[in-house]
Amino acid sequence: MTKKLLTLVGAAAFVLGACGEGPPSASNGNGNGTNGNGNGTNGNGNGNGNGEADIVITGVDVDPAEIDVGASATVTVRLENEGDADGDIELDLYVQGEDDDNAEIEESQTVEVAAESEDQATFTFSSDEPGDYSLAVNGVDADPDTVTVRVPEIEVAISEVELDEAEIGLGATAVVTADVENTNADHGGEATVEFFVDTEFEDSQNVDLDADEQIEITFEFKPDAPGDYELRVDNEDADEDLTVSGVGVLEFFSPSSLVDDDGNALEDDSLVAVWAEATAYTQDNDGDDVGPYRAEGDSPQEEHIPLVAVQDNVVGVAADFGDGTFEPANHKFLVNVWEDLLDGTGTVLFDESHGQDHSLENNFTDLFEHADSQGFGMVAIEDDFAAALEDTDNGADALMIVTRRDDVAADGFDDTALDAIEAFVEEGGLLLLHGNSTFNETSNEELNEVLDRLETDFQFGFDRVTDDDKNNDGNGFEPRTSSFNAGDFE
C-alpha cells in the first residue's frame, strides 16, 4: 500500500466496517455492569455500579477535503454515550488509497465517553504521496469520504528566454528556451508555464520542481507565414523577436506530380523542396486513379506528392508559374530559388525557341519585374538555342524552360539542344524545367528526355495533382500548399 503519514492528535481512529474485522468490544467498567457489544457503529461499555454505557458514532467530518503533499486534514469523530454509565469504545481508522485493493487499519485507540454526554475525537491525516484516499471510522464513512492529496502549486520565476535562431525560413521551427525557478525555499511542487506568440496563447508545460530548484524548458514554434513575431514565456519576453522569411503559400496551376527515374513514388526527401498538402491526390484525364500516389477517396497520407524537386543545379517545377498564377508568392519563390542556388544574382535565359506557347514578354512580365527588382536579368532565347547557351558574352547563369500542354512535344529537343543543355549544366549553369499535368496533353515526356540526359533521380509524372479540400482557389486543379522541406532547403 502507498505509504501514508497518519498522526493521531486526539483520542480518535477510523474503522471501515465492511473490511471483515469483527465488531469492537466495549471495555469492562468498574463494578458489576454487564459486558456490552459493539455492532459497527455502536459500542456498549460497562458502566460504574449497575449502569451500562451505550456509545455510538454520530458523524465523521474531514476538513479540508483537498490537501497538499506534506499538509494535513483534520478528521473529527463525533461520539455520543446514550447510556447511564461512563464507558469507552475502540475506534479503528481505515484508509484505502486509489490504487489499493483493500482498506487497511492504520491506527487504533480507545476513547472514554462520560454517561449521557457527547464528546469528540480528532486526528490529522497526511500523506507524502499524491492521490485520492477513502476514509472511514467503524463503518461510518467520513464526510466527504475521500481526501485528495495533491502536489502543491508553486510560484516560479522565468528568466533567460532565448531563441536558438532569431531568423529562420518559412517551414522551419523556432526553438525557445527559458529558465524556470521555484521561488519557494520550503517545499517543491508543480506549476504551469505558458508560451505566447504575439500575445496569443500557443502552448504550455507543467513543471515539477523541488524547493529552490531551477530547470531549463523548451518550446517550439513553426510559423505558417513570413513576418516578425514577438515571443513570451509567462510574463518574460524573449531576448529578441523572431523574423521569418520566405513564401507563405504557393499555387500550382494544373500540375503533374514528380516521380523517381523509374516512374515510382519519389521517396528521397532530400530531393523534394515542396510537396502538395496531404489531401491532394492524382488522376488522369478521365478522372481515374493513376500514378504511384494517393488516389481520390483515399485517406490523407504522410507521403505527400512532390511538386518541386532540386538535384544539384537542376530544378523541376510541376507547373509553369506564369503571370496570373498566384503571384507574387510564386515569383518570389522562384527568385529565391535562383538566388540560393546561384549564391547571388545573375542572368536567366528564357527559352522560346522550341515552340512554347508562353513568352517572357507576354506571360512572365510580372516575374521579369520582380527578378529585376532583386538584381536579376532575364533574356529570351527566340532562336539558335545551342548558340545562345554557348555564348559566353551573354553571361548566362541560368536557363528556364517552361512548357504548356504539348507545345514542345511537336519539335522536342534534338541532340544538339540536349548536348548544349548538358554542357551548360556541367559548367555550373542552373537549369529550371517547368512541366504541367496531362490534362489537355503535356510536354513532360520531352522534359524527361532532358532529365535522362542529365541522369537525375527525379522526373515528371504523367497525371494531374488535384486537391478538393480547402487548399485551392475554388478549383481542385489549382492546389495550394505551404508544405516546404525546411529540413533540407532553407
Protein backbone atom coordinates (compact mmCIF):
# COMPACT_ATOMS: atom_id res chain seq x y z
CA MET A 1 0.00 0.00 0.00
CA THR A 2 1.16 3.55 -0.70
CA LYS A 3 2.93 4.98 2.29
CA LYS A 4 0.75 7.26 4.36
CA LEU A 5 1.63 9.51 7.22
CA LEU A 6 -1.10 9.42 9.79
CA THR A 7 -0.75 11.26 13.06
CA LEU A 8 -3.25 10.84 15.85
CA VAL A 9 -3.94 14.12 17.55
CA GLY A 10 -6.70 13.36 19.99
CA ALA A 11 -8.47 10.24 21.05
CA ALA A 12 -9.63 9.02 17.64
CA ALA A 13 -9.15 6.45 14.90
CA PHE A 14 -11.11 5.04 11.97
CA VAL A 15 -12.53 1.66 11.09
CA LEU A 16 -14.23 0.55 7.89
CA GLY A 17 -16.99 -1.82 8.87
CA ALA A 18 -17.02 -3.72 5.60
CA CYS A 19 -13.43 -4.89 5.80
CA GLY A 20 -14.03 -8.17 7.55
CA GLU A 21 -12.97 -7.22 11.07
CA GLY A 22 -15.07 -8.36 13.98
CA PRO A 23 -17.12 -5.84 15.93
CA PRO A 24 -15.21 -3.84 18.56
CA SER A 25 -15.77 -4.91 22.16
CA ALA A 26 -16.52 -2.36 24.80
CA SER A 27 -14.17 -2.33 27.77
CA ASN A 28 -15.22 -3.52 31.20
CA GLY A 29 -16.31 -0.80 33.58
CA ASN A 30 -15.86 -0.78 37.31
CA GLY A 31 -18.42 -2.62 39.40
CA ASN A 32 -20.87 -5.29 38.32
CA GLY A 33 -22.08 -4.00 34.97
CA THR A 34 -22.78 -6.34 32.07
CA ASN A 35 -20.40 -6.57 29.09
CA GLY A 36 -21.77 -4.79 26.04
CA ASN A 37 -21.19 -5.49 22.34
CA GLY A 38 -20.33 -3.07 19.53
CA ASN A 39 -22.22 -3.54 16.26
CA GLY A 40 -20.35 -1.49 13.64
CA THR A 41 -21.22 2.00 14.74
CA ASN A 42 -22.11 1.34 18.36
CA GLY A 43 -20.11 0.13 21.34
CA ASN A 44 -21.72 -0.63 24.72
CA GLY A 45 -19.41 -0.07 27.66
CA ASN A 46 -19.65 -1.39 31.20
CA GLY A 47 -20.99 1.28 33.49
CA ASN A 48 -19.95 2.11 37.01
CA GLY A 49 -22.12 0.39 39.56
CA ASN A 50 -25.16 -1.22 37.94
CA GLY A 51 -25.36 1.12 34.89
CA GLU A 52 -24.39 0.47 31.28
CA ALA A 53 -22.60 2.62 28.62
CA ASP A 54 -24.06 2.84 25.08
CA ILE A 55 -21.61 4.77 22.86
CA VAL A 56 -22.34 5.50 19.18
CA ILE A 57 -20.60 7.46 16.39
CA THR A 58 -22.89 10.24 15.22
CA GLY A 59 -20.66 11.57 12.44
CA VAL A 60 -17.16 11.80 10.94
CA ASP A 61 -16.07 15.10 9.38
CA VAL A 62 -12.94 15.85 7.33
CA ASP A 63 -11.61 19.35 6.73
CA PRO A 64 -10.23 20.22 4.26
CA ALA A 65 -11.07 17.64 1.62
CA GLU A 66 -8.05 18.60 -0.52
CA ILE A 67 -4.56 18.98 0.88
CA ASP A 68 -1.05 19.36 -0.49
CA VAL A 69 1.59 16.72 0.00
CA GLY A 70 3.02 17.29 3.46
CA ALA A 71 -0.03 19.20 4.67
CA SER A 72 -2.75 17.65 6.84
CA ALA A 73 -6.50 17.31 7.08
CA THR A 74 -8.32 17.34 10.43
CA VAL A 75 -10.72 14.46 10.98
CA THR A 76 -13.32 14.91 13.71
CA VAL A 77 -15.19 11.88 15.07
CA ARG A 78 -18.39 12.83 16.93
CA LEU A 79 -19.42 10.44 19.73
CA GLU A 80 -22.48 10.15 21.98
CA ASN A 81 -22.92 7.96 25.08
CA GLU A 82 -26.64 7.24 25.34
CA GLY A 83 -26.13 5.02 28.39
CA ASP A 84 -26.29 5.83 32.11
CA ALA A 85 -22.69 4.88 32.86
CA ASP A 86 -19.26 6.06 31.76
CA GLY A 87 -17.67 3.83 29.14
CA ASP A 88 -15.14 3.54 26.37
CA ILE A 89 -15.07 2.47 22.72
CA GLU A 90 -12.25 1.29 20.45
CA LEU A 91 -12.02 3.25 17.22
CA ASP A 92 -10.20 1.83 14.21
CA LEU A 93 -9.00 4.00 11.37
CA TYR A 94 -9.24 2.52 7.86
CA VAL A 95 -7.60 4.19 4.87
CA GLN A 96 -7.69 2.98 1.29
CA GLY A 97 -5.64 4.57 -1.50
CA GLU A 98 -6.97 4.73 -5.06
CA ASP A 99 -4.56 2.03 -6.17
CA ASP A 100 -5.12 -0.26 -3.17
CA ASP A 101 -7.30 -3.35 -3.35
CA ASN A 102 -8.46 -3.19 0.26
CA ALA A 103 -8.65 -0.75 3.12
CA GLU A 104 -6.24 -1.30 5.99
CA ILE A 105 -6.23 -0.31 9.62
CA GLU A 106 -3.72 2.45 10.08
CA GLU A 107 -4.27 3.38 13.74
CA SER A 108 -6.47 2.34 16.65
CA GLN A 109 -7.20 3.89 20.01
CA THR A 110 -9.68 3.69 22.85
CA VAL A 111 -11.83 6.69 23.71
CA GLU A 112 -13.73 7.18 27.03
CA VAL A 113 -17.08 9.00 27.00
CA ALA A 114 -18.98 10.07 30.11
CA ALA A 115 -22.51 8.84 30.71
CA GLU A 116 -25.32 10.64 28.88
CA SER A 117 -22.93 13.05 27.15
CA GLU A 118 -21.42 13.92 23.79
CA ASP A 119 -17.72 14.08 23.01
CA GLN A 120 -15.42 14.05 20.05
CA ALA A 121 -12.04 12.78 18.99
CA THR A 122 -9.77 14.42 16.44
CA PHE A 123 -6.72 13.35 14.47
CA THR A 124 -4.82 14.51 11.44
CA PHE A 125 -4.31 12.73 8.15
CA SER A 126 -1.40 13.42 5.84
CA SER A 127 0.44 11.61 3.07
CA ASP A 128 3.70 12.01 1.22
CA GLU A 129 2.15 10.54 -1.95
CA PRO A 130 -0.46 12.37 -4.05
CA GLY A 131 -3.76 10.66 -4.80
CA ASP A 132 -7.28 10.06 -3.52
CA TYR A 133 -7.77 8.33 -0.15
CA SER A 134 -11.04 6.89 1.21
CA LEU A 135 -11.52 7.32 4.96
CA ALA A 136 -13.98 5.67 7.35
CA VAL A 137 -14.38 5.01 11.09
CA ASN A 138 -16.12 1.88 12.42
CA GLY A 139 -18.25 1.58 9.27
CA VAL A 140 -19.11 5.26 9.15
CA ASP A 141 -17.75 6.97 6.03
CA ALA A 142 -16.09 10.29 6.50
CA ASP A 143 -17.85 13.36 5.12
CA PRO A 144 -16.56 13.83 2.49
CA ASP A 145 -15.48 10.21 2.18
CA THR A 146 -12.42 11.00 0.02
CA VAL A 147 -9.41 13.16 0.76
CA THR A 148 -7.38 14.30 -2.25
CA VAL A 149 -3.66 14.73 -1.69
CA ARG A 150 -2.11 16.86 -4.41
CA VAL A 151 1.29 18.15 -5.36
CA PRO A 152 1.34 21.76 -4.17
CA GLU A 153 1.33 24.58 -6.69
CA ILE A 154 4.33 26.84 -6.53
CA GLU A 155 5.32 30.27 -7.73
CA VAL A 156 8.01 30.21 -10.42
CA ALA A 157 10.30 32.87 -11.81
CA ILE A 158 11.06 32.91 -15.57
CA SER A 159 14.37 34.18 -16.90
CA GLU A 160 16.77 33.83 -19.85
CA VAL A 161 14.09 33.43 -22.54
CA GLU A 162 16.19 32.92 -25.66
CA LEU A 163 15.77 31.96 -29.31
CA ASP A 164 18.21 29.49 -30.81
CA GLU A 165 17.93 31.44 -34.08
CA ALA A 166 16.39 34.89 -34.49
CA GLU A 167 15.93 34.47 -38.26
CA ILE A 168 14.50 31.36 -39.89
CA GLY A 169 12.95 30.42 -43.20
CA LEU A 170 9.29 29.63 -43.58
CA GLY A 171 8.71 25.97 -42.82
CA ALA A 172 11.47 25.86 -40.22
CA THR A 173 10.81 25.54 -36.50
CA ALA A 174 11.90 28.12 -33.93
CA VAL A 175 13.21 26.78 -30.62
CA VAL A 176 12.75 28.88 -27.48
CA THR A 177 14.42 28.04 -24.16
CA ALA A 178 13.66 29.52 -20.73
CA ASP A 179 14.95 29.07 -17.20
CA VAL A 180 12.23 28.23 -14.65
CA GLU A 181 12.97 28.53 -10.91
CA ASN A 182 10.89 27.53 -7.90
CA THR A 183 10.98 30.58 -5.66
CA ASN A 184 9.71 28.62 -2.63
CA ALA A 185 12.58 27.60 -0.38
CA ASP A 186 10.43 25.35 1.83
CA HIS A 187 8.85 22.84 -0.50
CA GLY A 188 8.61 21.68 -4.07
CA GLY A 189 5.53 21.47 -6.23
CA GLU A 190 4.03 21.89 -9.66
CA ALA A 191 3.41 24.91 -11.86
CA THR A 192 2.12 25.56 -15.38
CA VAL A 193 4.35 27.66 -17.65
CA GLU A 194 2.69 29.25 -20.69
CA PHE A 195 4.14 30.24 -24.06
CA PHE A 196 2.73 33.13 -26.12
CA VAL A 197 3.23 34.32 -29.70
CA ASP A 198 2.19 37.93 -30.37
CA THR A 199 0.17 37.91 -27.10
CA GLU A 200 -1.77 34.81 -28.23
CA PHE A 201 -1.51 31.61 -26.20
CA GLU A 202 0.48 28.99 -28.12
CA ASP A 203 1.46 26.19 -25.72
CA SER A 204 2.08 25.29 -22.07
CA GLN A 205 4.15 22.89 -19.98
CA ASN A 206 3.71 21.52 -16.47
CA VAL A 207 6.86 21.54 -14.37
CA ASP A 208 7.54 19.70 -11.11
CA LEU A 209 10.28 21.36 -9.07
CA ASP A 210 11.92 20.76 -5.72
CA ALA A 211 12.42 23.66 -3.33
CA ASP A 212 14.71 26.28 -4.91
CA GLU A 213 15.20 24.08 -7.99
CA GLN A 214 15.83 25.66 -11.40
CA ILE A 215 15.47 23.92 -14.76
CA GLU A 216 15.53 24.83 -18.45
CA ILE A 217 12.47 24.13 -20.57
CA THR A 218 11.97 24.30 -24.34
CA PHE A 219 9.08 25.41 -26.54
CA GLU A 220 8.85 25.03 -30.31
CA PHE A 221 7.00 27.23 -32.79
CA LYS A 222 6.54 26.63 -36.52
CA PRO A 223 5.25 29.80 -38.22
CA ASP A 224 2.79 29.43 -41.09
CA ALA A 225 3.55 32.82 -42.65
CA PRO A 226 6.56 35.11 -43.04
CA GLY A 227 6.93 38.15 -40.80
CA ASP A 228 8.13 39.23 -37.36
CA TYR A 229 6.87 37.53 -34.20
CA GLU A 230 7.07 38.53 -30.52
CA LEU A 231 7.59 35.54 -28.23
CA ARG A 232 6.99 35.36 -24.48
CA VAL A 233 7.15 32.74 -21.72
CA ASP A 234 4.70 33.67 -18.95
CA ASN A 235 5.47 37.36 -18.44
CA GLU A 236 9.06 37.27 -19.68
CA ASP A 237 9.75 38.39 -23.28
CA ALA A 238 12.28 36.62 -25.45
CA ASP A 239 15.62 38.36 -25.81
CA GLU A 240 14.77 39.23 -29.45
CA ASP A 241 11.91 38.97 -31.94
CA LEU A 242 11.68 36.12 -34.42
CA THR A 243 11.95 37.02 -38.11
CA VAL A 244 10.55 34.53 -40.62
CA SER A 245 11.44 34.90 -44.28
CA GLY A 246 10.15 33.04 -47.30
CA VAL A 247 6.93 32.44 -49.14
CA GLY A 248 3.78 31.54 -47.27
CA VAL A 249 1.71 29.64 -49.83
CA LEU A 250 2.36 28.54 -53.42
CA GLU A 251 -0.27 27.83 -56.05
CA PHE A 252 0.28 25.30 -58.86
CA PHE A 253 -1.97 25.60 -61.91
CA SER A 254 -2.81 22.11 -63.23
CA PRO A 255 0.41 20.48 -62.02
CA SER A 256 1.72 16.98 -62.52
CA SER A 257 3.49 15.05 -59.81
CA LEU A 258 7.22 14.43 -59.69
CA VAL A 259 8.39 10.81 -59.59
CA ASP A 260 11.69 8.95 -59.41
CA ASP A 261 13.65 7.98 -62.53
CA ASP A 262 11.71 4.70 -62.75
CA GLY A 263 8.30 6.35 -62.57
CA ASN A 264 7.70 5.29 -58.98
CA ALA A 265 6.98 7.49 -55.98
CA LEU A 266 9.81 9.92 -55.27
CA GLU A 267 10.65 8.92 -51.70
CA ASP A 268 14.04 10.64 -51.39
CA ASP A 269 13.04 13.67 -49.32
CA SER A 270 16.44 15.27 -49.85
CA LEU A 271 15.39 15.93 -53.46
CA VAL A 272 11.97 17.41 -52.67
CA ALA A 273 11.67 21.12 -51.90
CA VAL A 274 7.87 21.39 -51.96
CA TRP A 275 5.06 18.86 -51.54
CA ALA A 276 1.34 19.13 -52.11
CA GLU A 277 -0.76 19.05 -48.95
CA ALA A 278 -1.78 15.66 -47.55
CA THR A 279 -5.30 15.97 -49.02
CA ALA A 280 -4.06 16.14 -52.63
CA TYR A 281 -4.39 13.17 -54.99
CA THR A 282 -3.54 12.23 -58.60
CA GLN A 283 -5.77 11.24 -61.52
CA ASP A 284 -5.67 11.01 -65.32
CA ASN A 285 -7.64 12.95 -67.95
CA ASP A 286 -10.73 10.84 -67.36
CA GLY A 287 -10.62 11.33 -63.61
CA ASP A 288 -9.37 7.78 -62.99
CA ASP A 289 -6.73 6.87 -60.46
CA VAL A 290 -3.23 6.93 -61.91
CA GLY A 291 0.36 7.00 -60.72
CA PRO A 292 2.08 5.91 -57.52
CA TYR A 293 0.49 8.44 -55.18
CA ARG A 294 -2.73 8.89 -53.24
CA ALA A 295 -5.92 8.33 -55.24
CA GLU A 296 -9.17 10.23 -54.81
CA GLY A 297 -11.08 8.99 -51.78
CA ASP A 298 -8.02 7.54 -50.06
CA SER A 299 -7.15 8.71 -46.57
CA PRO A 300 -4.61 11.56 -46.42
CA GLN A 301 -1.12 10.14 -46.38
CA GLU A 302 2.17 11.09 -44.81
CA GLU A 303 3.98 10.63 -48.15
CA HIS A 304 2.82 13.85 -49.80
CA ILE A 305 3.03 14.36 -53.56
CA PRO A 306 6.25 16.16 -54.68
CA LEU A 307 5.74 19.35 -56.72
CA VAL A 308 9.25 20.85 -56.74
CA ALA A 309 12.48 18.86 -56.83
CA VAL A 310 16.10 20.00 -56.73
CA GLN A 311 19.17 17.91 -57.51
CA ASP A 312 22.43 19.82 -57.57
CA ASN A 313 21.83 22.63 -60.11
CA VAL A 314 18.74 21.10 -61.77
CA VAL A 315 15.25 22.15 -60.66
CA GLY A 316 11.93 20.61 -61.65
CA VAL A 317 8.70 22.55 -61.05
CA ALA A 318 5.37 20.81 -61.69
CA ALA A 319 3.63 23.93 -63.10
CA ASP A 320 4.55 26.96 -65.20
CA PHE A 321 4.26 29.75 -62.54
CA GLY A 322 3.39 32.31 -65.22
CA ASP A 323 1.51 35.57 -64.73
CA GLY A 324 -1.90 35.17 -63.13
CA THR A 325 -0.89 32.12 -61.08
CA PHE A 326 -0.84 33.40 -57.52
CA GLU A 327 1.93 35.88 -57.94
CA PRO A 328 3.77 37.47 -56.25
CA ALA A 329 4.22 34.43 -53.97
CA ASN A 330 5.14 32.08 -56.83
CA HIS A 331 7.52 34.60 -58.38
CA LYS A 332 9.13 35.39 -55.06
CA PHE A 333 9.68 31.68 -54.51
CA LEU A 334 11.30 31.26 -57.95
CA VAL A 335 13.66 34.17 -57.47
CA ASN A 336 14.57 32.88 -54.01
CA VAL A 337 15.47 29.55 -55.61
CA TRP A 338 17.62 31.24 -58.22
CA GLU A 339 19.43 33.35 -55.65
CA ASP A 340 20.01 30.40 -53.33
CA LEU A 341 21.35 28.03 -55.98
CA LEU A 342 23.40 30.69 -57.76
CA ASP A 343 24.64 32.07 -54.44
CA GLY A 344 23.75 35.52 -55.68
CA THR A 345 22.16 37.22 -58.66
CA GLY A 346 22.77 36.73 -62.39
CA THR A 347 21.23 36.43 -65.84
CA VAL A 348 18.42 33.95 -66.57
CA LEU A 349 17.83 32.82 -70.16
CA PHE A 350 14.16 32.15 -71.00
CA ASP A 351 13.69 29.60 -73.81
CA GLU A 352 11.17 30.47 -76.53
CA SER A 353 12.84 28.51 -79.34
CA HIS A 354 11.10 25.14 -79.04
CA GLY A 355 7.53 26.01 -79.90
CA GLN A 356 6.49 27.21 -76.43
CA ASP A 357 3.09 28.85 -76.11
CA HIS A 358 4.40 31.16 -73.38
CA SER A 359 6.79 34.03 -73.94
CA LEU A 360 8.70 36.18 -71.50
CA GLU A 361 7.09 39.36 -72.79
CA ASN A 362 3.50 38.16 -72.81
CA ASN A 363 3.27 35.68 -69.94
CA PHE A 364 6.07 36.41 -67.46
CA THR A 365 6.22 40.20 -67.24
CA ASP A 366 5.48 40.18 -63.51
CA LEU A 367 8.25 37.64 -62.91
CA PHE A 368 10.56 39.76 -65.07
CA GLU A 369 9.82 42.86 -62.98
CA HIS A 370 10.26 41.08 -59.65
CA ALA A 371 13.50 39.47 -60.83
CA ASP A 372 14.77 42.85 -61.98
CA SER A 373 13.98 44.38 -58.58
CA GLN A 374 16.11 41.66 -56.97
CA GLY A 375 19.09 42.20 -59.27
CA PHE A 376 18.40 39.52 -61.89
CA GLY A 377 18.28 39.99 -65.64
CA MET A 378 16.04 37.87 -67.89
CA VAL A 379 16.74 37.41 -71.62
CA ALA A 380 14.55 35.49 -74.08
CA ILE A 381 16.08 32.90 -76.47
CA GLU A 382 13.97 33.19 -79.61
CA ASP A 383 16.15 31.06 -81.92
CA ASP A 384 19.52 29.36 -82.24
CA PHE A 385 19.14 27.77 -78.81
CA ALA A 386 22.52 25.99 -78.67
CA ALA A 387 24.44 29.07 -79.77
CA ALA A 388 22.76 31.17 -77.09
CA LEU A 389 23.82 28.72 -74.38
CA GLU A 390 27.37 28.58 -75.69
CA ASP A 391 27.67 32.36 -75.99
CA THR A 392 29.91 33.41 -73.14
CA ASP A 393 29.26 37.07 -73.85
CA ASN A 394 25.69 36.96 -72.52
CA GLY A 395 26.96 35.87 -69.10
CA ALA A 396 24.08 33.45 -68.65
CA ASP A 397 23.85 31.87 -65.21
CA ALA A 398 20.54 30.02 -65.50
CA LEU A 399 18.25 28.56 -68.16
CA MET A 400 14.46 28.45 -67.73
CA ILE A 401 12.41 26.11 -69.93
CA VAL A 402 8.65 26.43 -69.47
CA THR A 403 6.20 24.11 -71.23
CA ARG A 404 2.45 24.47 -71.58
CA ARG A 405 0.42 21.44 -72.54
CA ASP A 406 2.08 19.75 -75.57
CA ASP A 407 3.68 22.90 -77.02
CA VAL A 408 7.22 21.45 -77.05
CA ALA A 409 6.14 17.94 -77.98
CA ALA A 410 5.90 18.72 -81.72
CA ASP A 411 9.59 19.51 -82.13
CA GLY A 412 11.14 18.30 -78.89
CA PHE A 413 14.79 18.76 -78.03
CA ASP A 414 17.16 17.39 -80.64
CA ASP A 415 20.61 16.04 -79.85
CA THR A 416 22.20 19.43 -80.45
CA ALA A 417 19.92 21.04 -77.90
CA LEU A 418 20.42 18.21 -75.41
CA ASP A 419 24.18 18.43 -75.81
CA ALA A 420 24.06 22.19 -75.22
CA ILE A 421 21.92 21.79 -72.10
CA GLU A 422 24.20 19.07 -70.73
CA ALA A 423 27.31 21.20 -71.30
CA PHE A 424 25.63 24.24 -69.73
CA VAL A 425 24.77 22.29 -66.58
CA GLU A 426 28.17 20.61 -66.35
CA GLU A 427 29.79 24.04 -66.41
CA GLY A 428 27.71 25.11 -63.40
CA GLY A 429 24.69 26.64 -65.10
CA LEU A 430 21.37 26.43 -63.26
CA LEU A 431 18.59 24.63 -65.17
CA LEU A 432 14.90 25.16 -64.36
CA LEU A 433 12.33 22.92 -66.04
CA HIS A 434 8.60 23.66 -65.69
CA GLY A 435 6.13 20.92 -66.60
CA ASN A 436 2.37 20.55 -66.36
CA SER A 437 -0.34 17.94 -65.99
CA THR A 438 -1.56 15.54 -68.66
CA PHE A 439 -4.90 17.39 -68.86
CA ASN A 440 -5.17 18.58 -72.50
CA GLU A 441 -1.82 16.93 -73.26
CA THR A 442 1.64 17.61 -71.83
CA SER A 443 5.28 18.02 -72.79
CA ASN A 444 6.57 16.16 -69.73
CA GLU A 445 8.00 13.40 -71.92
CA GLU A 446 10.26 15.92 -73.67
CA LEU A 447 11.35 17.35 -70.32
CA ASN A 448 12.12 13.84 -69.10
CA GLU A 449 14.43 13.38 -72.10
CA VAL A 450 16.43 16.29 -70.76
CA LEU A 451 16.47 14.75 -67.28
CA ASP A 452 17.51 11.37 -68.72
CA ARG A 453 20.47 13.04 -70.38
CA LEU A 454 21.44 14.66 -67.08
CA GLU A 455 20.86 11.36 -65.20
CA THR A 456 18.77 12.94 -62.46
CA ASP A 457 16.98 10.84 -59.87
CA PHE A 458 13.63 12.56 -60.48
CA GLN A 459 11.32 13.05 -63.46
CA PHE A 460 7.90 14.49 -64.27
CA GLY A 461 4.86 12.26 -63.79
CA PHE A 462 2.00 11.75 -66.23
CA ASP A 463 -1.00 12.73 -64.16
CA ARG A 464 -2.75 15.74 -62.64
CA VAL A 465 -2.46 16.67 -58.98
CA THR A 466 -5.80 17.77 -57.55
CA ASP A 467 -6.82 18.98 -54.12
CA ASP A 468 -10.55 19.32 -53.49
CA ASP A 469 -10.06 20.37 -49.89
CA LYS A 470 -9.59 23.99 -48.82
CA ASN A 471 -6.15 24.09 -50.42
CA ASN A 472 -7.23 25.68 -53.70
CA ASP A 473 -8.70 28.85 -55.20
CA GLY A 474 -12.08 27.29 -55.82
CA ASN A 475 -10.73 24.80 -58.35
CA GLY A 476 -9.25 21.50 -57.27
CA PHE A 477 -6.81 21.56 -60.20
CA GLU A 478 -5.15 24.68 -58.72
CA PRO A 479 -3.78 23.21 -55.49
CA ARG A 480 -2.13 25.46 -52.95
CA THR A 481 0.46 24.35 -50.46
CA SER A 482 2.77 25.54 -47.73
CA SER A 483 4.38 22.12 -47.30
CA PHE A 484 8.03 23.09 -47.64
CA ASN A 485 11.00 20.87 -46.90
CA ALA A 486 12.66 23.22 -44.45
CA GLY A 487 14.91 20.44 -43.20
CA ASP A 488 16.85 20.16 -46.44
CA PHE A 489 16.13 23.54 -48.05
CA GLU A 490 16.21 26.87 -46.23
